[in-house]
Amino acid sequence: MPETPVATVRVWDLPTRLFHWGLALVVTGSVISAKIGGDAMVWHFRLGFLVLTLLAFRILWGLVGGHWSRFARFVYAPSTLLRYLRGDAAPQEGLEVGHSPTGALSVFALLGVLLVQVATGLVADDEISHLGPLNRFVASDTALAATSWHKNWGQWMVLALVALHLAAIAFYLLKKNTNLVAPMLHGDKTLPAATPASADGLPQRALALLLVALCAGLAYWVAQQG
C-alpha cells in the first residue's frame, strides 16, 4: 500500500500564535501583580485590560481567522469526543491537526474562565482603594460577590486550568512523542499533503491588526468608565 504523501502545512496563523503567547505573558503578569498588591495593582488593572483586548480579539478571530483557529473547526459533538477518548477516531478525521477534542475543551474552559475573571474584575470593589471601572453599574452586593469570586475561586480556576494545560503538553510530549509547543512557535506541522492549511498572508495579518485595534479601543472605552 503506497504511503500517504506528506507536506509542511501551516496550521497556526501568526495572529493566533501571537495571541497564545501574549495571553500567557499577560495572565502571568496579572497573577504576579495581584499577589504583590499595593502599587502593583495599577499594573494588575492595566494587564486586565490587555486580557480583555486579547479575549475580545480571540472571539472575533474564532469567526474569521485561519482555518484551524476558527471555532467551527474545534466545536466537536459529544459522540466525537467519546470516540476520540476511546481511541476510535479515524486518521482522516484530522482531530489532532488543530485542537483535539480534549484540547478544545481546555481552550473553551480557559477562555470562559478568563472572561468571567475579567468581568468580575471590571465590577469589583475591594472596599479599600480599588474599584473596577464598571462598578457603578452594579449593586453593592453584586460587586462584593464578584470581588470574592475574582480573588478566590476565579483565581484558583485560572491557575488550575493553566496547570492542566501544561500537564497536557507534557503528556503529549512524553507519552505520544508529540511536540505541541513547536507548532505554536513556527505555525507548521508535517501532515498529509491534502490537509487544508490556514491562510496566513498579509491580508489576514492586516485584518488581525485591525481587529486588535478595535478590541483595544473597546478596552480603553471600558477603562474610561471608572
Protein backbone atom coordinates (compact mmCIF):
# COMPACT_ATOMS: atom_id res chain seq x y z
CA MET A 1 0.00 0.00 0.00
CA PRO A 2 1.56 3.34 -1.05
CA GLU A 3 2.45 5.79 1.68
CA THR A 4 0.35 8.92 2.06
CA PRO A 5 2.32 11.93 0.77
CA VAL A 6 3.10 14.46 3.49
CA ALA A 7 3.86 18.18 3.41
CA THR A 8 4.58 21.07 5.74
CA VAL A 9 1.18 22.62 6.45
CA ARG A 10 0.53 25.99 8.11
CA VAL A 11 -1.81 25.17 10.99
CA TRP A 12 -1.45 28.13 13.37
CA ASP A 13 -1.51 31.53 11.70
CA LEU A 14 0.68 34.30 13.12
CA PRO A 15 -2.18 36.20 14.85
CA THR A 16 -3.21 33.02 16.69
CA ARG A 17 0.37 32.35 17.78
CA LEU A 18 0.87 35.92 18.99
CA PHE A 19 -2.43 35.73 20.86
CA HIS A 20 -1.40 32.48 22.54
CA TRP A 21 1.97 33.70 23.80
CA GLY A 22 0.70 37.20 24.54
CA LEU A 23 -2.12 35.83 26.69
CA ALA A 24 0.31 33.57 28.56
CA LEU A 25 2.58 36.53 29.38
CA VAL A 26 -0.24 38.91 30.31
CA VAL A 27 -2.05 36.40 32.55
CA THR A 28 1.24 35.56 34.28
CA GLY A 29 1.90 39.25 34.91
CA SER A 30 -1.64 39.77 36.12
CA VAL A 31 -1.38 36.96 38.68
CA ILE A 32 2.02 38.18 39.92
CA SER A 33 0.88 41.80 40.25
CA ALA A 34 -2.20 40.69 42.21
CA LYS A 35 -0.02 38.69 44.59
CA ILE A 36 2.29 41.66 45.14
CA GLY A 37 -0.61 44.06 45.72
CA GLY A 38 -0.08 47.69 46.74
CA ASP A 39 1.24 49.87 43.94
CA ALA A 40 1.47 46.80 41.68
CA MET A 41 -2.33 46.82 41.47
CA VAL A 42 -2.01 49.63 38.94
CA TRP A 43 -0.33 47.12 36.67
CA HIS A 44 -2.89 44.48 37.58
CA PHE A 45 -5.62 46.71 36.16
CA ARG A 46 -3.59 47.55 33.06
CA LEU A 47 -2.87 43.90 32.39
CA GLY A 48 -6.53 43.12 32.96
CA PHE A 49 -7.45 45.48 30.15
CA LEU A 50 -4.88 43.74 27.95
CA VAL A 51 -6.53 40.41 28.77
CA LEU A 52 -9.87 41.93 27.77
CA THR A 53 -8.35 43.10 24.49
CA LEU A 54 -6.88 39.68 23.74
CA LEU A 55 -10.04 37.77 24.63
CA ALA A 56 -12.21 40.05 22.50
CA PHE A 57 -9.78 39.58 19.62
CA ARG A 58 -9.77 35.78 20.01
CA ILE A 59 -13.56 35.67 19.90
CA LEU A 60 -13.58 37.61 16.64
CA TRP A 61 -10.64 35.64 15.26
CA GLY A 62 -12.50 32.46 16.07
CA LEU A 63 -15.04 33.58 13.48
CA VAL A 64 -12.82 34.98 10.71
CA GLY A 65 -9.30 33.70 11.43
CA GLY A 66 -7.22 30.94 9.90
CA HIS A 67 -8.86 27.60 9.09
CA TRP A 68 -7.70 25.77 12.22
CA SER A 69 -8.19 28.78 14.50
CA ARG A 70 -11.91 29.08 13.81
CA PHE A 71 -14.29 27.81 16.45
CA ALA A 72 -16.13 25.87 13.77
CA ARG A 73 -13.05 23.65 13.42
CA PHE A 74 -12.93 22.58 17.06
CA VAL A 75 -16.50 22.50 18.29
CA TYR A 76 -16.99 18.74 18.46
CA ALA A 77 -20.10 16.68 19.00
CA PRO A 78 -20.18 14.61 22.23
CA SER A 79 -20.05 11.45 20.13
CA THR A 80 -16.82 12.63 18.50
CA LEU A 81 -15.30 13.34 21.91
CA LEU A 82 -16.25 9.87 23.14
CA ARG A 83 -14.81 8.18 20.07
CA TYR A 84 -11.61 10.19 20.50
CA LEU A 85 -11.32 9.21 24.18
CA ARG A 86 -11.84 5.54 23.25
CA GLY A 87 -9.18 5.80 20.56
CA ASP A 88 -11.69 5.03 17.80
CA ALA A 89 -11.23 8.21 15.76
CA ALA A 90 -10.22 7.67 12.15
CA PRO A 91 -6.96 9.32 10.97
CA GLN A 92 -8.76 11.03 8.09
CA GLU A 93 -10.90 12.97 10.58
CA GLY A 94 -7.88 15.11 11.40
CA LEU A 95 -8.87 15.52 15.02
CA GLU A 96 -5.30 16.30 16.10
CA VAL A 97 -4.38 18.70 13.32
CA GLY A 98 -5.55 21.74 15.26
CA HIS A 99 -7.19 21.48 18.67
CA SER A 100 -8.11 17.91 19.55
CA PRO A 101 -11.49 17.28 21.20
CA THR A 102 -9.90 17.30 24.67
CA GLY A 103 -7.73 20.27 23.73
CA ALA A 104 -10.82 22.12 22.55
CA LEU A 105 -12.48 21.58 25.94
CA SER A 106 -9.39 23.04 27.60
CA VAL A 107 -9.37 26.05 25.28
CA PHE A 108 -13.04 26.86 25.79
CA ALA A 109 -12.77 26.34 29.55
CA LEU A 110 -9.79 28.70 29.80
CA LEU A 111 -11.41 31.35 27.61
CA GLY A 112 -14.64 31.12 29.57
CA VAL A 113 -12.99 31.34 32.98
CA LEU A 114 -10.82 34.25 31.87
CA LEU A 115 -13.89 36.08 30.54
CA VAL A 116 -15.61 35.64 33.91
CA GLN A 117 -12.44 36.73 35.68
CA VAL A 118 -12.22 39.90 33.60
CA ALA A 119 -15.95 40.61 34.01
CA THR A 120 -15.79 40.25 37.80
CA GLY A 121 -12.69 42.43 37.93
CA LEU A 122 -14.45 45.18 36.00
CA VAL A 123 -17.15 45.48 38.66
CA ALA A 124 -15.04 44.59 41.71
CA ASP A 125 -14.80 46.61 44.92
CA ASP A 126 -12.15 45.66 47.49
CA GLU A 127 -13.64 48.19 49.94
CA ILE A 128 -10.20 49.76 50.39
CA SER A 129 -8.86 51.63 47.41
CA HIS A 130 -9.64 49.78 44.18
CA LEU A 131 -12.84 49.87 42.14
CA GLY A 132 -13.46 48.26 38.80
CA PRO A 133 -14.39 50.77 36.08
CA LEU A 134 -17.89 49.31 35.76
CA ASN A 135 -18.54 49.06 39.48
CA ARG A 136 -21.07 51.91 39.45
CA PHE A 137 -23.32 49.93 37.13
CA VAL A 138 -23.96 47.10 39.61
CA ALA A 139 -25.42 46.81 43.09
CA SER A 140 -23.08 46.74 46.07
CA ASP A 141 -23.88 43.11 46.89
CA THR A 142 -23.16 42.10 43.30
CA ALA A 143 -19.84 43.94 43.38
CA LEU A 144 -18.79 42.26 46.62
CA ALA A 145 -19.77 38.82 45.31
CA ALA A 146 -17.81 39.50 42.10
CA THR A 147 -14.80 40.61 44.12
CA SER A 148 -14.89 37.46 46.24
CA TRP A 149 -15.05 35.28 43.13
CA HIS A 150 -12.27 37.24 41.42
CA LYS A 151 -9.90 36.93 44.38
CA ASN A 152 -10.71 33.34 45.32
CA TRP A 153 -12.44 30.77 43.11
CA GLY A 154 -11.78 32.62 39.87
CA GLN A 155 -8.07 32.99 40.54
CA TRP A 156 -7.66 29.34 41.51
CA MET A 157 -9.63 28.14 38.50
CA VAL A 158 -7.34 30.09 36.17
CA LEU A 159 -4.26 28.61 37.84
CA ALA A 160 -5.74 25.10 37.74
CA LEU A 161 -6.55 25.34 34.03
CA VAL A 162 -3.09 26.67 33.26
CA ALA A 163 -1.56 23.77 35.20
CA LEU A 164 -3.80 21.32 33.31
CA HIS A 165 -2.72 22.90 30.02
CA LEU A 166 0.96 22.45 30.92
CA ALA A 167 0.34 18.88 32.06
CA ALA A 168 -1.33 18.07 28.74
CA ILE A 169 1.67 19.46 26.85
CA ALA A 170 3.99 17.28 28.93
CA PHE A 171 1.76 14.21 28.42
CA TYR A 172 1.72 14.60 24.65
CA LEU A 173 5.49 15.06 24.57
CA LEU A 174 6.40 12.18 26.88
CA LYS A 175 3.67 9.65 26.09
CA LYS A 176 2.74 10.41 22.50
CA ASN A 177 6.06 11.88 21.34
CA THR A 178 4.13 14.89 20.01
CA ASN A 179 5.52 18.38 20.48
CA LEU A 180 2.62 20.80 20.84
CA VAL A 181 4.82 23.81 21.60
CA ALA A 182 6.90 23.93 18.42
CA PRO A 183 3.93 24.37 16.02
CA MET A 184 2.66 27.22 18.21
CA LEU A 185 6.04 28.88 17.70
CA HIS A 186 6.54 28.47 13.94
CA GLY A 187 2.99 27.60 12.92
CA ASP A 188 3.64 24.46 10.87
CA LYS A 189 3.10 20.71 11.16
CA THR A 190 4.12 17.83 8.93
CA LEU A 191 0.79 16.38 7.81
CA PRO A 192 -0.84 14.56 4.89
CA ALA A 193 -0.45 16.79 1.85
CA ALA A 194 -4.22 17.09 1.40
CA THR A 195 -4.67 18.72 4.83
CA PRO A 196 -6.19 22.22 4.49
CA ALA A 197 -3.81 24.99 5.51
CA SER A 198 -4.66 28.12 7.44
CA ALA A 199 -4.40 31.29 5.37
CA ASP A 200 -1.62 33.38 6.91
CA GLY A 201 -0.69 36.05 4.42
CA LEU A 202 -0.54 39.82 4.55
CA PRO A 203 -4.33 40.30 4.14
CA GLN A 204 -5.07 38.03 7.11
CA ARG A 205 -2.45 39.73 9.27
CA ALA A 206 -3.73 43.18 8.33
CA LEU A 207 -7.25 42.10 9.27
CA ALA A 208 -5.96 40.79 12.60
CA LEU A 209 -4.19 44.09 13.27
CA LEU A 210 -7.41 45.99 12.57
CA LEU A 211 -9.36 43.71 14.92
CA VAL A 212 -6.77 44.14 17.66
CA ALA A 213 -7.02 47.92 17.29
CA LEU A 214 -10.82 47.76 17.57
CA CYS A 215 -10.61 45.48 20.62
CA ALA A 216 -8.03 47.77 22.25
CA GLY A 217 -10.37 50.68 21.61
CA LEU A 218 -13.16 48.76 23.35
CA ALA A 219 -10.92 48.03 26.36
CA TYR A 220 -9.87 51.68 26.52
CA TRP A 221 -13.50 52.79 26.46
CA VAL A 222 -14.32 50.38 29.29
CA ALA A 223 -11.38 51.72 31.31
CA GLN A 224 -12.67 55.26 30.92
CA GLN A 225 -15.99 54.36 32.55
CA GLY A 226 -14.40 54.31 36.01
